[in-house]
Every structure is written in C-alpha cells, then in structure tokens.
Protein backbone atom coordinates (compact mmCIF):
# COMPACT_ATOMS: atom_id res chain seq x y z
CA UNK A 1 -25.87 9.94 -41.31
CA UNK A 2 -26.00 12.40 -38.64
CA UNK A 3 -27.40 10.12 -36.36
CA UNK A 4 -24.87 7.49 -37.48
CA UNK A 5 -22.32 10.07 -36.52
CA UNK A 6 -24.02 11.30 -33.26
CA UNK A 7 -24.27 7.28 -32.38
CA UNK A 8 -20.24 7.34 -32.90
CA UNK A 9 -19.28 10.17 -30.93
CA UNK A 10 -21.58 9.08 -28.29
CA UNK A 11 -20.12 5.87 -27.68
CA UNK A 12 -16.00 7.24 -28.10
CA UNK A 13 -17.54 9.78 -24.86
CA UNK A 14 -19.16 6.64 -23.21
CA UNK A 15 -15.42 4.52 -23.83
CA UNK A 16 -13.65 7.54 -22.51
CA UNK A 17 -16.01 8.17 -19.30
CA UNK A 18 -15.06 4.19 -18.53
CA UNK A 19 -11.73 4.68 -19.27
CA UNK A 20 -11.48 7.49 -16.82
CA UNK A 21 -13.60 5.35 -14.37
CA UNK A 22 -10.75 2.86 -14.76
CA UNK A 23 -7.67 5.30 -14.64
CA UNK A 24 -9.02 6.86 -11.15
CA UNK A 25 -10.45 3.49 -9.27
CA UNK A 26 -6.71 2.46 -10.32
CA UNK A 27 -5.34 4.91 -7.09
CA UNK A 28 -2.13 5.37 -8.93
CA UNK A 29 -0.76 7.75 -6.43
CA UNK A 30 -0.50 4.98 -3.75
CA UNK A 31 1.83 2.43 -5.75
CA UNK A 32 5.32 4.34 -5.89
CA UNK A 33 5.20 3.61 -2.10
CA UNK A 34 4.83 0.06 -2.82
CA UNK A 35 7.14 0.18 -5.51
CA UNK A 36 9.91 2.04 -3.62
CA UNK A 37 9.43 -0.84 -0.92
CA UNK A 38 9.71 -3.59 -4.03
CA UNK A 39 12.79 -1.74 -5.20
CA UNK A 40 14.40 -1.38 -1.83
CA UNK A 41 14.34 -5.33 -0.92
CA UNK A 42 15.93 -5.62 -4.42
CA UNK A 43 19.08 -3.54 -3.54
CA UNK A 44 19.64 -5.24 -0.91
CA UNK A 45 19.79 -8.49 -2.38
CA UNK A 46 22.85 -6.98 -4.61
CA UNK A 47 25.46 -8.72 -2.21
CA UNK A 48 24.34 -11.98 -2.28
CA UNK A 49 23.38 -12.43 -5.97
CA UNK A 50 23.32 -10.66 -9.44
CA UNK A 51 20.70 -8.19 -10.35
CA UNK A 52 18.38 -9.52 -12.71
CA UNK A 53 16.73 -6.63 -14.91
CA UNK A 54 14.01 -9.29 -15.93
CA UNK A 55 12.94 -10.76 -12.86
CA UNK A 56 12.36 -7.02 -11.20
CA UNK A 57 10.18 -5.91 -13.87
CA UNK A 58 8.60 -9.34 -13.82
CA UNK A 59 7.92 -9.26 -10.28
CA UNK A 60 7.02 -6.09 -9.40
CA UNK A 61 4.23 -6.56 -12.69
CA UNK A 62 2.92 -9.18 -10.58
CA UNK A 63 2.68 -7.41 -7.56
CA UNK A 64 1.08 -3.91 -9.14
CA UNK A 65 -1.48 -6.37 -10.54
CA UNK A 66 -2.05 -7.99 -6.49
CA UNK A 67 -2.37 -4.58 -5.41
CA UNK A 68 -4.80 -3.18 -8.38
CA UNK A 69 -6.70 -6.42 -7.66
CA UNK A 70 -6.84 -5.78 -3.72
CA UNK A 71 -8.09 -2.19 -4.64
CA UNK A 72 -10.67 -3.42 -6.64
CA UNK A 73 -11.98 -5.43 -4.40
CA UNK A 74 -12.24 -2.87 -1.50
CA UNK A 75 -14.33 -0.71 -3.84
CA UNK A 76 -16.70 -3.89 -4.15
CA UNK A 77 -17.01 -5.03 -0.67
CA UNK A 78 -16.75 -1.56 0.58
CA UNK A 79 -19.49 -0.25 -1.26
CA UNK A 80 -22.01 0.53 2.00
CA UNK A 81 -19.69 2.15 3.86
CA UNK A 82 -18.51 4.04 0.68
CA UNK A 83 -21.71 5.22 -0.12
CA UNK A 84 -22.14 6.30 3.50
CA UNK A 85 -18.92 7.94 3.74
CA UNK A 86 -19.27 11.85 3.97
CA UNK A 87 -15.75 12.46 4.73
CA UNK A 88 -14.37 10.57 1.46
CA UNK A 89 -11.35 12.36 -0.48
CA UNK A 90 -8.40 11.15 -2.62
CA UNK A 91 -6.88 9.36 0.57
CA UNK A 92 -9.58 7.88 2.49
CA UNK A 93 -13.06 6.22 1.51
CA UNK A 94 -12.39 4.64 -1.66
CA UNK A 95 -12.91 6.34 -5.37
CA UNK A 96 -16.40 6.08 -5.64
CA UNK A 97 -16.31 4.67 -8.81
CA UNK A 98 -18.86 1.89 -7.75
CA UNK A 99 -20.99 4.58 -5.62
CA UNK A 100 -21.42 7.01 -8.87
CA UNK A 101 -22.00 4.21 -11.05
CA UNK A 102 -19.34 5.08 -13.31
CA UNK A 103 -18.01 1.41 -13.09
CA UNK A 104 -20.69 -1.81 -12.72
CA UNK A 105 -20.28 -4.53 -9.92
CA UNK A 106 -19.30 -6.65 -12.93
CA UNK A 107 -16.84 -4.73 -14.45
CA UNK A 108 -15.23 -4.94 -10.99
CA UNK A 109 -15.23 -8.48 -11.08
CA UNK A 110 -14.14 -8.71 -14.56
CA UNK A 111 -10.84 -7.01 -13.68
CA UNK A 112 -10.39 -8.96 -10.55
CA UNK A 113 -10.24 -12.05 -12.60
CA UNK A 114 -8.29 -10.77 -15.69
CA UNK A 115 -5.58 -9.70 -12.56
CA UNK A 116 -5.72 -12.72 -11.34
CA UNK A 117 -5.01 -14.67 -14.55
CA UNK A 118 -2.20 -12.09 -15.37
CA UNK A 119 -0.54 -12.41 -11.84
CA UNK A 120 -0.63 -16.43 -12.61
CA UNK A 121 1.25 -16.08 -15.57
CA UNK A 122 3.99 -13.60 -14.72
CA UNK A 123 4.50 -15.92 -11.34
CA UNK A 124 4.86 -18.82 -14.07
CA UNK A 125 7.42 -16.62 -15.98
CA UNK A 126 9.85 -15.29 -13.03
CA UNK A 127 11.35 -18.25 -12.00
CA UNK A 128 12.26 -18.86 -15.85
CA UNK A 129 14.15 -15.80 -16.21
CA UNK A 130 15.80 -15.68 -12.97
CA UNK A 131 17.59 -19.01 -11.79
CA UNK A 132 18.03 -17.44 -8.23
CA UNK A 133 14.02 -17.37 -7.73
CA UNK A 134 12.66 -21.10 -6.41
CA UNK A 135 9.49 -21.54 -8.35
CA UNK A 136 7.88 -22.98 -5.29
CA UNK A 137 8.96 -20.07 -3.17
CA UNK A 138 8.03 -17.52 -5.86
CA UNK A 139 4.33 -18.89 -5.89
CA UNK A 140 4.32 -19.11 -2.42
CA UNK A 141 4.86 -15.32 -1.95
CA UNK A 142 2.49 -14.33 -4.95
CA UNK A 143 -0.20 -16.36 -3.28
CA UNK A 144 0.46 -14.87 0.49
CA UNK A 145 -0.06 -11.48 -0.95
CA UNK A 146 -3.40 -12.49 -2.74
CA UNK A 147 -4.54 -13.69 0.28
CA UNK A 148 -3.85 -10.74 2.57
CA UNK A 149 -4.81 -8.43 -0.70
CA UNK A 150 -8.32 -9.86 -1.00
CA UNK A 151 -8.68 -11.20 2.38
CA UNK A 152 -8.51 -7.68 3.79
CA UNK A 153 -12.19 -7.03 2.69
CA UNK A 154 -13.20 -10.30 0.47
CA UNK A 155 -15.26 -12.58 2.84
CA UNK A 156 -14.80 -15.34 4.85
CA UNK A 157 -11.88 -13.90 6.06
CA UNK A 158 -12.66 -9.42 5.91
CA UNK A 159 -9.68 -8.85 7.87
CA UNK A 160 -10.59 -4.78 8.19
CA UNK A 161 -14.19 -5.78 9.36
CA UNK A 162 -12.18 -8.03 12.34
CA UNK A 163 -9.95 -4.97 13.52
CA UNK A 164 -6.83 -6.71 11.64
CA UNK A 165 -6.75 -4.28 8.78
CA UNK A 166 -4.45 -1.71 9.59
CA UNK A 167 -1.76 -4.62 10.59
CA UNK A 168 -2.39 -6.29 7.59
CA UNK A 169 -1.98 -3.09 5.05
CA UNK A 170 1.26 -2.46 7.68
CA UNK A 171 2.47 -5.89 6.87
CA UNK A 172 1.79 -6.25 3.36
CA UNK A 173 3.34 -2.78 2.71
CA UNK A 174 6.35 -3.18 4.61
CA UNK A 175 8.12 -7.13 5.30
CA UNK A 176 6.17 -8.72 2.12
CA UNK A 177 6.93 -6.20 -0.45
CA UNK A 178 10.46 -6.01 0.57
CA UNK A 179 10.69 -9.98 0.72
CA UNK A 180 9.52 -10.22 -2.63
CA UNK A 181 12.01 -7.52 -3.96
CA UNK A 182 14.70 -9.93 -1.94
CA UNK A 183 13.63 -13.35 -2.81
CA UNK A 184 12.74 -12.50 -6.59
CA UNK A 185 16.18 -11.98 -7.01
CA UNK A 186 18.26 -13.96 -4.23
CA UNK A 187 15.76 -16.73 -3.89
CA UNK A 188 16.06 -16.89 0.00
CA UNK A 189 14.11 -15.84 3.14
CA UNK A 190 17.02 -16.56 5.59
CA UNK A 191 19.11 -13.76 5.52
CA UNK A 192 18.49 -10.79 8.15
CA UNK A 193 18.67 -7.90 6.08
CA UNK A 194 15.38 -7.50 4.19
CA UNK A 195 13.70 -8.42 7.72
CA UNK A 196 15.40 -5.88 9.43
CA UNK A 197 15.28 -2.95 6.98
CA UNK A 198 11.42 -3.84 6.76
CA UNK A 199 10.96 -3.02 10.53
CA UNK A 200 11.01 0.72 10.73
CA UNK A 201 8.82 1.08 7.31
CA UNK A 202 6.19 -0.96 9.11
CA UNK A 203 5.82 1.19 12.15
CA UNK A 204 5.45 3.80 9.46
CA UNK A 205 2.80 2.40 7.44
CA UNK A 206 0.86 1.18 11.05
CA UNK A 207 0.80 4.84 11.78
CA UNK A 208 -0.59 6.36 8.39
CA UNK A 209 -3.24 3.53 8.08
CA UNK A 210 -4.04 4.29 11.39
CA UNK A 211 -4.55 7.82 10.60
CA UNK A 212 -6.44 7.07 7.52
CA UNK A 213 -9.17 5.58 9.80
CA UNK A 214 -10.42 8.97 10.91
CA UNK A 215 -12.33 10.32 8.93
CA UNK A 216 -13.65 7.19 7.25
CA UNK A 217 -14.92 6.35 10.99
CA UNK A 218 -18.56 7.46 11.31
CA UNK A 219 -19.47 5.58 7.96
CA UNK A 220 -17.03 2.29 9.21
CA UNK A 221 -18.93 2.16 12.59
CA UNK A 222 -22.43 2.13 10.49
CA UNK A 223 -21.02 -0.31 8.34
CA UNK A 224 -19.56 -2.31 11.08
CA UNK A 225 -16.09 -2.13 9.81
CA UNK A 226 -13.91 -2.52 12.63
CA UNK A 227 -10.70 -0.50 12.23
CA UNK A 228 -8.40 0.95 14.72
CA UNK A 229 -10.12 4.34 14.90
CA UNK A 230 -13.56 2.60 15.34
CA UNK A 231 -12.77 -0.12 18.41
CA UNK A 232 -10.80 2.45 20.60
CA UNK A 233 -12.26 6.15 19.19
CA UNK A 234 -10.70 8.84 16.98
CA UNK A 235 -8.11 10.21 20.58
CA UNK A 236 -6.77 6.88 21.18
CA UNK A 237 -6.40 6.00 17.28
CA UNK A 238 -4.81 9.32 17.14
CA UNK A 239 -1.87 8.49 19.93
CA UNK A 240 -1.20 4.97 18.37
CA UNK A 241 -0.63 6.56 15.01
CA UNK A 242 2.01 9.13 17.08
CA UNK A 243 3.45 5.88 18.54
CA UNK A 244 4.44 4.52 15.58
CA UNK A 245 5.36 7.62 14.14
CA UNK A 246 8.34 7.93 17.12
CA UNK A 247 9.00 4.12 16.39
CA UNK A 248 9.30 4.35 12.86
CA UNK A 249 12.05 6.96 13.43
CA UNK A 250 13.92 5.20 16.24
CA UNK A 251 13.81 1.86 15.00
CA UNK A 252 15.38 3.26 11.76
CA UNK A 253 17.97 5.44 14.01
CA UNK A 254 18.84 1.94 15.48
CA UNK A 255 18.97 -0.71 12.73
CA UNK A 256 20.24 1.71 9.89
CA UNK A 257 24.03 2.14 10.82
CA UNK A 258 23.86 -1.79 11.57
CA UNK A 259 22.97 -3.00 8.09
CA UNK A 260 23.48 0.36 5.67
CA UNK A 261 26.69 1.30 3.95
CA UNK A 262 27.19 4.89 2.69
CA UNK A 263 27.91 6.91 6.25
CA UNK A 264 26.92 10.15 4.29
CA UNK A 265 23.78 9.04 3.07
CA UNK A 266 22.85 6.68 6.16
CA UNK A 267 23.62 9.62 8.46
CA UNK A 268 21.42 12.59 6.69
CA UNK A 269 18.88 10.33 6.06
CA UNK A 270 18.53 9.48 9.84
CA UNK A 271 18.64 13.02 10.68
CA UNK A 272 15.77 14.31 8.23
CA UNK A 273 13.75 11.32 8.90
CA UNK A 274 14.09 12.56 12.45
CA UNK A 275 13.52 16.27 11.91
CA UNK A 276 10.06 14.84 9.47
CA UNK A 277 9.05 13.25 12.08
CA UNK A 278 8.80 15.75 14.95
CA UNK A 279 7.28 17.65 11.99
CA UNK A 280 4.56 15.07 11.64
CA UNK A 281 4.49 14.90 15.70
CA UNK A 282 3.41 18.13 15.90
CA UNK A 283 0.47 18.37 13.30
CA UNK A 284 -0.50 15.57 14.71
CA UNK A 285 -0.62 16.69 18.36
CA UNK A 286 -2.14 19.98 16.86
CA UNK A 287 -4.99 17.55 15.71
CA UNK A 288 -5.25 15.70 18.75
CA UNK A 289 -5.61 19.26 21.09
CA UNK A 290 -8.68 20.23 18.52
CA UNK A 291 -10.33 16.61 18.87
CA UNK A 292 -11.64 18.09 15.65
CA UNK A 293 -11.25 14.22 13.96
CA UNK A 294 -14.68 13.74 11.57
CA UNK A 295 -13.49 15.76 8.83
CA UNK A 296 -10.79 15.16 5.89
CA UNK A 297 -6.97 14.96 6.82
CA UNK A 298 -5.68 15.60 3.40
CA UNK A 299 -2.84 17.52 4.56
CA UNK A 300 -2.02 15.41 8.07
CA UNK A 301 -2.86 11.85 5.60
CA UNK A 302 0.06 13.59 2.51
CA UNK A 303 2.57 14.39 5.50
CA UNK A 304 1.83 11.05 6.95
CA UNK A 305 2.25 9.04 3.64
CA UNK A 306 5.65 10.99 2.55
CA UNK A 307 7.01 9.79 5.82
CA UNK A 308 6.59 6.21 4.95
CA UNK A 309 9.02 7.26 1.54
CA UNK A 310 11.69 8.04 3.68
CA UNK A 311 11.95 4.38 5.04
CA UNK A 312 12.68 2.88 1.43
CA UNK A 313 14.35 6.26 0.08
CA UNK A 314 17.57 6.17 2.58
CA UNK A 315 17.97 2.60 2.25
CA UNK A 316 17.84 2.69 -1.56
CA UNK A 317 20.08 5.73 -1.70
CA UNK A 318 22.35 3.95 0.61
CA UNK A 319 22.58 0.86 -1.67
CA UNK A 320 22.85 2.52 -4.98
C-alpha cells in the first residue's frame, strides 16, 4: 500500500512540475502589452460602431493563443541559441523549459497544434457574435497573425534568422494588434485612426526588441540568428534603439493632439512620455558609454518595456 501511495505522490509531483513548466513557458508577463494595444484599437472603434464585449473577448482569446503559439514555436526553433545563451533572463533567451528538459519537443508540438485548433474555432465564432466583423476580413486578420507569429522562427521563413525579426515583432505588436481591435469591432481597415495610433507604438516596440538582442548576441551569432545586434554590432544596435525611443516620443507628441480627445489627459500623457523617454535615453547613453553589452540588462529591458505601455495607456485613457 505504501508503494501505491508513494507512486501517487510521485505522479502528482510530476504533474505539478509539468504544470509549472507550462506556466513558465507561456511567459505571462509579456501579454499585458499586447492586450493594451488590442484594447486601444477596440476603444478607437467606439466612434464608428457600438462596442461588442463578446467580440472583444473572443478576439483577444484568439490573439492570446496566437501569441502563445508563437512563444512555443520560438522555444522549439530557438533551441540551439537558447542552449548556448549565457545571458538568459526573464526578458531574453527564452524560458529554457525545453533546454532544461522540463518540457519535451512533443509537448511543444502538441501545444502548438491545440492552440491552432482553438484559434480556428474562435475565429469561426467571432463573426457570429459581431455583425461588424466580416468573416473574410476576420479570417485574414487571424491568418496574418499566425503567419508572422510562426514565421518569426519556423522554417522556411525564419524571419528572425534573416534580419527581419525586429520589424516583424514591432509590426505585430503595434499595427497588427491595434488593427485587430479595431476590425473586430468596426469591421474595416479604411479608417486612418488605428493606423496613426500604431505608429508611436511601433517605434517604442522596435526600440525594446532591438535592445533585447544585445544580451543574446553572442549565442545568436553562433546559431546564425541575424538580429540587428548581430548584423550591425551592439553599439549600433543600442544607437538604433535610442533613435526609436526618440521617434516614439516625437511621433506621439505630433499625432496625439490631432487624433485624441480629452485635452488634459492627452497633454499630461504626452509630457509623461517625454519625461520617460529622457530617462530611458539617459540610461541607454550610460550603457553605450560603458560599452558593456555582453551581459544581462534586466533593468534596461524593464524600462524599455514599460515605455511601450505608455503608447497604449495614454490613448486608452483619452478614449475612456
């Protein structure tokens, strides 16, 4: 009997470890940025169409699974560079669940397959709950997300191995998510508002994802992963990130007064963004002066990702 109890306890412990690995591989801290961009697009559509809570929830559930699917694919196809990476952290270098053997390749493949099936089901249900979401346009939006999400690391595209990874991440986490929020509510891509709102967000994400390549650069170079930091070197990559930080603040300052209501919120938000940008640029200038790039840069990454949130939070506060 004792052996049976021991076996059950061992099975429960193994199941708990597996569940913990799945929770870690999902990388939940990164989802709020995507949610904020999606919510901003949905809020922007309020003037064009009545808000549909059902469409909002189903649409986000599908996008959540696309992001989850993308993370799993990255874990699978970035195995070699993750294995070599000595500077991995919560922000860069993957979750290492595959490298450490806590999840198997078959686990990852099964997770991707289940996610794709659920995305298809949610995509089919979305037009049924929102008359403003045309079935063909809805399907095209979701397929676009799957294409660029999986194509980031999955052959034959492997965008991040061909020098296009930063642009793909920046585009999907700005224009794509904002447009999905807008389309699932208003059913059109023709309005200029979501496109304009996405531009400052694009530059802020581009700066953050370029910085994320700095600690990964030695391992990425060995694995032939052509990030901006690998192609141009860490110094130029850091300079590009600085330019993106400045362009995000500048484009926000130029665009927000023309497209956002709520003068007080808009003005205060623009000022706070400018102050945050100056702080981030000061930190980046110190890193560039030190030329110490081959290390974890968790503090810098936390600041850069926090900067991204502002470009969704200010428009959201204005709309709401």
